[in-house]
Amino acid sequence: MKQNASFRFWDFNIWQSISATGLVVSVMSQLGLFLTGREVKDFNNLYLVWALVFGAGTLLRYYMFRNGIEPGHHHHHHD
């Protein structure tokens, strides 16, 4: 049975899941640093990294959707 094929933004792939988790952990860490009065140089760069990883995952998932590649599908060549 074929499912309704639609591109849903909130169905995360592994890259998007990693970046979303990293974002949550970074926010919690920054809150902990703020509450303890500490500062880490260039800590805010983590947010840029997580955004780039999330964007790359979104592009990859959209590319796979447009080309009919199902999640978890691995193409193997046999001789």
PDB file of N, CA and C in Angstrom:
ATOM      1  N   MET A   1       0.841  -1.173   0.000  1.00  0.00           N
ATOM      2  CA  MET A   1       0.000   0.000   0.000  1.00  0.00           C
ATOM      3  C   MET A   1       0.890   1.241   0.000  1.00  0.00           C
ATOM      4  N   LYS A   2       0.657   2.119  -0.938  1.00  0.00           N
ATOM      5  CA  LYS A   2       1.468   3.320  -1.065  1.00  0.00           C
ATOM      6  C   LYS A   2       0.916   4.429  -0.173  1.00  0.00           C
ATOM      7  N   GLN A   3       1.821   5.061   0.551  1.00  0.00           N
ATOM      8  CA  GLN A   3       1.417   6.158   1.424  1.00  0.00           C
ATOM      9  C   GLN A   3       1.297   7.445   0.627  1.00  0.00           C
ATOM     10  N   ASN A   4       0.554   8.382   1.173  1.00  0.00           N
ATOM     11  CA  ASN A   4       0.414   9.687   0.553  1.00  0.00           C
ATOM     12  C   ASN A   4       1.763  10.394   0.574  1.00  0.00           C
ATOM     13  N   ALA A   5       2.304  10.675  -0.594  1.00  0.00           N
ATOM     14  CA  ALA A   5       3.624  11.303  -0.691  1.00  0.00           C
ATOM     15  C   ALA A   5       3.485  12.817  -0.569  1.00  0.00           C
ATOM     16  N   SER A   6       3.925  13.349   0.531  1.00  0.00           N
ATOM     17  CA  SER A   6       3.949  14.792   0.720  1.00  0.00           C
ATOM     18  C   SER A   6       5.188  15.140   1.536  1.00  0.00           C
ATOM     19  N   PHE A   7       5.750  16.280   1.249  1.00  0.00           N
ATOM     20  CA  PHE A   7       6.941  16.725   1.953  1.00  0.00           C
ATOM     21  C   PHE A   7       6.513  17.424   3.227  1.00  0.00           C
ATOM     22  N   ARG A   8       6.788  16.796   4.365  1.00  0.00           N
ATOM     23  CA  ARG A   8       6.431  17.367   5.655  1.00  0.00           C
ATOM     24  C   ARG A   8       7.714  17.826   6.342  1.00  0.00           C
ATOM     25  N   PHE A   9       7.766  19.110   6.640  1.00  0.00           N
ATOM     26  CA  PHE A   9       8.981  19.707   7.197  1.00  0.00           C
ATOM     27  C   PHE A   9       9.370  19.090   8.533  1.00  0.00           C
ATOM     28  N   TRP A  10       8.415  18.703   9.370  1.00  0.00           N
ATOM     29  CA  TRP A  10       8.730  18.277  10.730  1.00  0.00           C
ATOM     30  C   TRP A  10       9.073  16.804  10.867  1.00  0.00           C
ATOM     31  N   ASP A  11       9.162  16.056   9.771  1.00  0.00           N
ATOM     32  CA  ASP A  11       9.641  14.676   9.826  1.00  0.00           C
ATOM     33  C   ASP A  11      11.162  14.710   9.687  1.00  0.00           C
ATOM     34  N   PHE A  12      11.863  14.744  10.817  1.00  0.00           N
ATOM     35  CA  PHE A  12      13.317  14.934  10.800  1.00  0.00           C
ATOM     36  C   PHE A  12      14.053  13.675  10.351  1.00  0.00           C
ATOM     37  N   ASN A  13      15.160  13.886   9.641  1.00  0.00           N
ATOM     38  CA  ASN A  13      16.089  12.798   9.365  1.00  0.00           C
ATOM     39  C   ASN A  13      17.183  12.837  10.438  1.00  0.00           C
ATOM     40  N   ILE A  14      18.176  11.977  10.316  1.00  0.00           N
ATOM     41  CA  ILE A  14      19.194  11.862  11.369  1.00  0.00           C
ATOM     42  C   ILE A  14      19.971  13.167  11.556  1.00  0.00           C
ATOM     43  N   TRP A  15      20.294  13.865  10.468  1.00  0.00           N
ATOM     44  CA  TRP A  15      21.064  15.109  10.576  1.00  0.00           C
ATOM     45  C   TRP A  15      20.258  16.193  11.266  1.00  0.00           C
ATOM     46  N   GLN A  16      18.978  16.265  10.954  1.00  0.00           N
ATOM     47  CA  GLN A  16      18.122  17.251  11.597  1.00  0.00           C
ATOM     48  C   GLN A  16      17.914  16.913  13.073  1.00  0.00           C
ATOM     49  N   SER A  17      17.797  15.639  13.376  1.00  0.00           N
ATOM     50  CA  SER A  17      17.636  15.222  14.774  1.00  0.00           C
ATOM     51  C   SER A  17      18.881  15.547  15.595  1.00  0.00           C
ATOM     52  N   ILE A  18      20.050  15.294  15.027  1.00  0.00           N
ATOM     53  CA  ILE A  18      21.306  15.599  15.718  1.00  0.00           C
ATOM     54  C   ILE A  18      21.409  17.101  15.978  1.00  0.00           C
ATOM     55  N   SER A  19      21.092  17.904  14.970  1.00  0.00           N
ATOM     56  CA  SER A  19      21.222  19.349  15.135  1.00  0.00           C
ATOM     57  C   SER A  19      20.181  19.899  16.118  1.00  0.00           C
ATOM     58  N   ALA A  20      18.974  19.352  16.100  1.00  0.00           N
ATOM     59  CA  ALA A  20      17.953  19.805  17.053  1.00  0.00           C
ATOM     60  C   ALA A  20      18.369  19.454  18.477  1.00  0.00           C
ATOM     61  N   THR A  21      18.902  18.253  18.667  1.00  0.00           N
ATOM     62  CA  THR A  21      19.393  17.848  19.986  1.00  0.00           C
ATOM     63  C   THR A  21      20.561  18.735  20.411  1.00  0.00           C
ATOM     64  N   GLY A  22      21.478  18.990  19.495  1.00  0.00           N
ATOM     65  CA  GLY A  22      22.613  19.868  19.787  1.00  0.00           C
ATOM     66  C   GLY A  22      22.166  21.267  20.160  1.00  0.00           C
ATOM     67  N   LEU A  23      21.140  21.757  19.501  1.00  0.00           N
ATOM     68  CA  LEU A  23      20.617  23.084  19.815  1.00  0.00           C
ATOM     69  C   LEU A  23      20.048  23.125  21.230  1.00  0.00           C
ATOM     70  N   VAL A  24      19.270  22.116  21.588  1.00  0.00           N
ATOM     71  CA  VAL A  24      18.686  22.064  22.934  1.00  0.00           C
ATOM     72  C   VAL A  24      19.785  21.989  23.994  1.00  0.00           C
ATOM     73  N   VAL A  25      20.780  21.124  23.771  1.00  0.00           N
ATOM     74  CA  VAL A  25      21.882  20.978  24.733  1.00  0.00           C
ATOM     75  C   VAL A  25      22.685  22.276  24.821  1.00  0.00           C
ATOM     76  N   SER A  26      22.901  22.940  23.697  1.00  0.00           N
ATOM     77  CA  SER A  26      23.640  24.205  23.705  1.00  0.00           C
ATOM     78  C   SER A  26      22.906  25.281  24.484  1.00  0.00           C
ATOM     79  N   VAL A  27      21.596  25.359  24.309  1.00  0.00           N
ATOM     80  CA  VAL A  27      20.798  26.347  25.043  1.00  0.00           C
ATOM     81  C   VAL A  27      20.867  26.066  26.545  1.00  0.00           C
ATOM     82  N   MET A  28      20.730  24.787  26.912  1.00  0.00           N
ATOM     83  CA  MET A  28      20.802  24.434  28.332  1.00  0.00           C
ATOM     84  C   MET A  28      22.196  24.745  28.900  1.00  0.00           C
ATOM     85  N   SER A  29      23.228  24.470  28.121  1.00  0.00           N
ATOM     86  CA  SER A  29      24.593  24.754  28.573  1.00  0.00           C
ATOM     87  C   SER A  29      24.818  26.244  28.736  1.00  0.00           C
ATOM     88  N   GLN A  30      24.324  27.014  27.787  1.00  0.00           N
ATOM     89  CA  GLN A  30      24.504  28.456  27.879  1.00  0.00           C
ATOM     90  C   GLN A  30      23.736  29.027  29.072  1.00  0.00           C
ATOM     91  N   LEU A  31      22.574  28.473  29.361  1.00  0.00           N
ATOM     92  CA  LEU A  31      21.832  28.892  30.547  1.00  0.00           C
ATOM     93  C   LEU A  31      22.625  28.569  31.813  1.00  0.00           C
ATOM     94  N   GLY A  32      23.227  27.384  31.858  1.00  0.00           N
ATOM     95  CA  GLY A  32      24.070  27.015  32.998  1.00  0.00           C
ATOM     96  C   GLY A  32      25.264  27.938  33.143  1.00  0.00           C
ATOM     97  N   LEU A  33      25.884  28.288  32.027  1.00  0.00           N
ATOM     98  CA  LEU A  33      27.004  29.231  32.081  1.00  0.00           C
ATOM     99  C   LEU A  33      26.552  30.591  32.586  1.00  0.00           C
ATOM    100  N   PHE A  34      25.390  31.027  32.118  1.00  0.00           N
ATOM    101  CA  PHE A  34      24.865  32.326  32.549  1.00  0.00           C
ATOM    102  C   PHE A  34      24.586  32.332  34.060  1.00  0.00           C
ATOM    103  N   LEU A  35      23.962  31.254  34.530  1.00  0.00           N
ATOM    104  CA  LEU A  35      23.596  31.192  35.949  1.00  0.00           C
ATOM    105  C   LEU A  35      24.815  31.091  36.870  1.00  0.00           C
ATOM    106  N   THR A  36      25.905  30.531  36.371  1.00  0.00           N
ATOM    107  CA  THR A  36      27.123  30.425  37.177  1.00  0.00           C
ATOM    108  C   THR A  36      28.069  31.596  36.956  1.00  0.00           C
ATOM    109  N   GLY A  37      27.697  32.504  36.056  1.00  0.00           N
ATOM    110  CA  GLY A  37      28.523  33.682  35.808  1.00  0.00           C
ATOM    111  C   GLY A  37      29.765  33.401  34.976  1.00  0.00           C
ATOM    112  N   ARG A  38      29.777  32.308  34.275  1.00  0.00           N
ATOM    113  CA  ARG A  38      30.935  31.971  33.436  1.00  0.00           C
ATOM    114  C   ARG A  38      30.657  32.309  31.983  1.00  0.00           C
ATOM    115  N   GLU A  39      31.746  32.374  31.224  1.00  0.00           N
ATOM    116  CA  GLU A  39      31.623  32.702  29.809  1.00  0.00           C
ATOM    117  C   GLU A  39      32.621  31.868  29.026  1.00  0.00           C
ATOM    118  N   VAL A  40      32.185  31.354  27.883  1.00  0.00           N
ATOM    119  CA  VAL A  40      33.057  30.592  26.988  1.00  0.00           C
ATOM    120  C   VAL A  40      33.167  31.385  25.693  1.00  0.00           C
ATOM    121  N   LYS A  41      34.408  31.668  25.305  1.00  0.00           N
ATOM    122  CA  LYS A  41      34.643  32.450  24.091  1.00  0.00           C
ATOM    123  C   LYS A  41      34.104  31.697  22.878  1.00  0.00           C
ATOM    124  N   ASP A  42      33.420  32.385  22.004  1.00  0.00           N
ATOM    125  CA  ASP A  42      32.874  31.855  20.752  1.00  0.00           C
ATOM    126  C   ASP A  42      31.830  30.757  20.953  1.00  0.00           C
ATOM    127  N   PHE A  43      31.189  30.701  22.106  1.00  0.00           N
ATOM    128  CA  PHE A  43      30.154  29.700  22.353  1.00  0.00           C
ATOM    129  C   PHE A  43      28.992  29.859  21.379  1.00  0.00           C
ATOM    130  N   ASN A  44      28.691  31.075  21.006  1.00  0.00           N
ATOM    131  CA  ASN A  44      27.566  31.335  20.099  1.00  0.00           C
ATOM    132  C   ASN A  44      27.767  30.735  18.708  1.00  0.00           C
ATOM    133  N   ASN A  45      29.001  30.397  18.358  1.00  0.00           N
ATOM    134  CA  ASN A  45      29.246  29.777  17.061  1.00  0.00           C
ATOM    135  C   ASN A  45      28.583  28.410  16.950  1.00  0.00           C
ATOM    136  N   LEU A  46      28.306  27.777  18.086  1.00  0.00           N
ATOM    137  CA  LEU A  46      27.605  26.492  18.061  1.00  0.00           C
ATOM    138  C   LEU A  46      26.244  26.621  17.396  1.00  0.00           C
ATOM    139  N   TYR A  47      25.567  27.723  17.601  1.00  0.00           N
ATOM    140  CA  TYR A  47      24.244  27.914  17.013  1.00  0.00           C
ATOM    141  C   TYR A  47      24.331  27.971  15.492  1.00  0.00           C
ATOM    142  N   LEU A  48      25.376  28.587  14.977  1.00  0.00           N
ATOM    143  CA  LEU A  48      25.593  28.619  13.529  1.00  0.00           C
ATOM    144  C   LEU A  48      25.845  27.210  12.999  1.00  0.00           C
ATOM    145  N   VAL A  49      26.661  26.447  13.700  1.00  0.00           N
ATOM    146  CA  VAL A  49      26.957  25.074  13.282  1.00  0.00           C
ATOM    147  C   VAL A  49      25.679  24.239  13.262  1.00  0.00           C
ATOM    148  N   TRP A  50      24.869  24.316  14.315  1.00  0.00           N
ATOM    149  CA  TRP A  50      23.631  23.527  14.358  1.00  0.00           C
ATOM    150  C   TRP A  50      22.677  23.953  13.252  1.00  0.00           C
ATOM    151  N   ALA A  51      22.626  25.235  12.946  1.00  0.00           N
ATOM    152  CA  ALA A  51      21.757  25.709  11.861  1.00  0.00           C
ATOM    153  C   ALA A  51      22.225  25.178  10.515  1.00  0.00           C
ATOM    154  N   LEU A  52      23.540  25.163  10.295  1.00  0.00           N
ATOM    155  CA  LEU A  52      24.076  24.642   9.032  1.00  0.00           C
ATOM    156  C   LEU A  52      23.832  23.143   8.887  1.00  0.00           C
ATOM    157  N   VAL A  53      24.022  22.389   9.964  1.00  0.00           N
ATOM    158  CA  VAL A  53      23.768  20.944   9.926  1.00  0.00           C
ATOM    159  C   VAL A  53      22.279  20.687   9.664  1.00  0.00           C
ATOM    160  N   PHE A  54      21.409  21.444  10.324  1.00  0.00           N
ATOM    161  CA  PHE A  54      19.974  21.282  10.111  1.00  0.00           C
ATOM    162  C   PHE A  54      19.608  21.612   8.665  1.00  0.00           C
ATOM    163  N   GLY A  55      20.166  22.692   8.135  1.00  0.00           N
ATOM    164  CA  GLY A  55      19.901  23.075   6.741  1.00  0.00           C
ATOM    165  C   GLY A  55      20.375  22.023   5.758  1.00  0.00           C
ATOM    166  N   ALA A  56      21.552  21.455   6.007  1.00  0.00           N
ATOM    167  CA  ALA A  56      22.068  20.401   5.128  1.00  0.00           C
ATOM    168  C   ALA A  56      21.162  19.169   5.192  1.00  0.00           C
ATOM    169  N   GLY A  57      20.702  18.822   6.375  1.00  0.00           N
ATOM    170  CA  GLY A  57      19.782  17.693   6.512  1.00  0.00           C
ATOM    171  C   GLY A  57      18.468  17.944   5.804  1.00  0.00           C
ATOM    172  N   THR A  58      17.983  19.176   5.864  1.00  0.00           N
ATOM    173  CA  THR A  58      16.741  19.531   5.176  1.00  0.00           C
ATOM    174  C   THR A  58      16.909  19.417   3.668  1.00  0.00           C
ATOM    175  N   LEU A  59      18.024  19.929   3.147  1.00  0.00           N
ATOM    176  CA  LEU A  59      18.279  19.829   1.711  1.00  0.00           C
ATOM    177  C   LEU A  59      18.417  18.372   1.260  1.00  0.00           C
ATOM    178  N   LEU A  60      19.108  17.572   2.050  1.00  0.00           N
ATOM    179  CA  LEU A  60      19.271  16.161   1.725  1.00  0.00           C
ATOM    180  C   LEU A  60      17.915  15.453   1.709  1.00  0.00           C
ATOM    181  N   ARG A  61      17.095  15.708   2.697  1.00  0.00           N
ATOM    182  CA  ARG A  61      15.788  15.064   2.774  1.00  0.00           C
ATOM    183  C   ARG A  61      14.890  15.514   1.625  1.00  0.00           C
ATOM    184  N   TYR A  62      14.941  16.794   1.283  1.00  0.00           N
ATOM    185  CA  TYR A  62      14.140  17.306   0.172  1.00  0.00           C
ATOM    186  C   TYR A  62      14.604  16.689  -1.148  1.00  0.00           C
ATOM    187  N   TYR A  63      15.924  16.574  -1.331  1.00  0.00           N
ATOM    188  CA  TYR A  63      16.471  15.948  -2.539  1.00  0.00           C
ATOM    189  C   TYR A  63      15.987  14.501  -2.646  1.00  0.00           C
ATOM    190  N   MET A  64      16.034  13.777  -1.535  1.00  0.00           N
ATOM    191  CA  MET A  64      15.604  12.379  -1.542  1.00  0.00           C
ATOM    192  C   MET A  64      14.109  12.288  -1.840  1.00  0.00           C
ATOM    193  N   PHE A  65      13.310  13.190  -1.280  1.00  0.00           N
ATOM    194  CA  PHE A  65      11.871  13.209  -1.527  1.00  0.00           C
ATOM    195  C   PHE A  65      11.583  13.465  -3.001  1.00  0.00           C
ATOM    196  N   ARG A  66      12.269  14.443  -3.574  1.00  0.00           N
ATOM    197  CA  ARG A  66      12.033  14.811  -4.982  1.00  0.00           C
ATOM    198  C   ARG A  66      12.440  13.705  -5.938  1.00  0.00           C
ATOM    199  N   ASN A  67      13.403  12.871  -5.558  1.00  0.00           N
ATOM    200  CA  ASN A  67      13.888  11.807  -6.426  1.00  0.00           C
ATOM    201  C   ASN A  67      13.301  10.442  -6.083  1.00  0.00           C
ATOM    202  N   GLY A  68      12.303  10.418  -5.205  1.00  0.00           N
ATOM    203  CA  GLY A  68      11.602   9.182  -4.899  1.00  0.00           C
ATOM    204  C   GLY A  68      12.397   8.182  -4.088  1.00  0.00           C
ATOM    205  N   ILE A  69      13.411   8.640  -3.359  1.00  0.00           N
ATOM    206  CA  ILE A  69      14.222   7.744  -2.534  1.00  0.00           C
ATOM    207  C   ILE A  69      13.560   7.640  -1.166  1.00  0.00           C
ATOM    208  N   GLU A  70      13.216   6.433  -0.772  1.00  0.00           N
ATOM    209  CA  GLU A  70      12.552   6.243   0.507  1.00  0.00           C
ATOM    210  C   GLU A  70      13.575   6.275   1.632  1.00  0.00           C
ATOM    211  N   PRO A  71      13.205   6.823   2.790  1.00  0.00           N
ATOM    212  CA  PRO A  71      14.121   6.827   3.930  1.00  0.00           C
ATOM    213  C   PRO A  71      14.534   5.411   4.307  1.00  0.00           C
ATOM    214  N   GLY A  72      15.823   5.228   4.548  1.00  0.00           N
ATOM    215  CA  GLY A  72      16.339   3.919   4.938  1.00  0.00           C
ATOM    216  C   GLY A  72      16.603   3.005   3.756  1.00  0.00           C
ATOM    217  N   HIS A  73      16.345   3.456   2.522  1.00  0.00           N
ATOM    218  CA  HIS A  73      16.581   2.622   1.354  1.00  0.00           C
ATOM    219  C   HIS A  73      18.049   2.655   0.969  1.00  0.00           C
ATOM    220  N   HIS A  74      18.637   1.469   0.842  1.00  0.00           N
ATOM    221  CA  HIS A  74      20.030   1.357   0.427  1.00  0.00           C
ATOM    222  C   HIS A  74      20.094   0.571  -0.866  1.00  0.00           C
ATOM    223  N   HIS A  75      20.699   1.169  -1.870  1.00  0.00           N
ATOM    224  CA  HIS A  75      20.794   0.521  -3.172  1.00  0.00           C
ATOM    225  C   HIS A  75      22.085  -0.284  -3.240  1.00  0.00           C
ATOM    226  N   HIS A  76      21.957  -1.574  -3.495  1.00  0.00           N
ATOM    227  CA  HIS A  76      23.135  -2.437  -3.568  1.00  0.00           C
ATOM    228  C   HIS A  76      23.278  -3.000  -4.976  1.00  0.00           C
ATOM    229  N   HIS A  77      24.507  -3.065  -5.428  1.00  0.00           N
ATOM    230  CA  HIS A  77      24.801  -3.684  -6.725  1.00  0.00           C
ATOM    231  C   HIS A  77      25.316  -5.085  -6.488  1.00  0.00           C
ATOM    232  N   HIS A  78      24.753  -6.021  -7.217  1.00  0.00           N
ATOM    233  CA  HIS A  78      25.193  -7.413  -7.121  1.00  0.00           C
ATOM    234  C   HIS A  78      25.689  -7.862  -8.485  1.00  0.00           C
ATOM    235  N   ASP A  79      26.810  -8.577  -8.497  1.00  0.00           N
ATOM    236  CA  ASP A  79      27.349  -9.095  -9.758  1.00  0.00           C
ATOM    237  C   ASP A  79      26.784 -10.448 -10.081  1.00  0.00           C
TER     238      ASP A  79
END
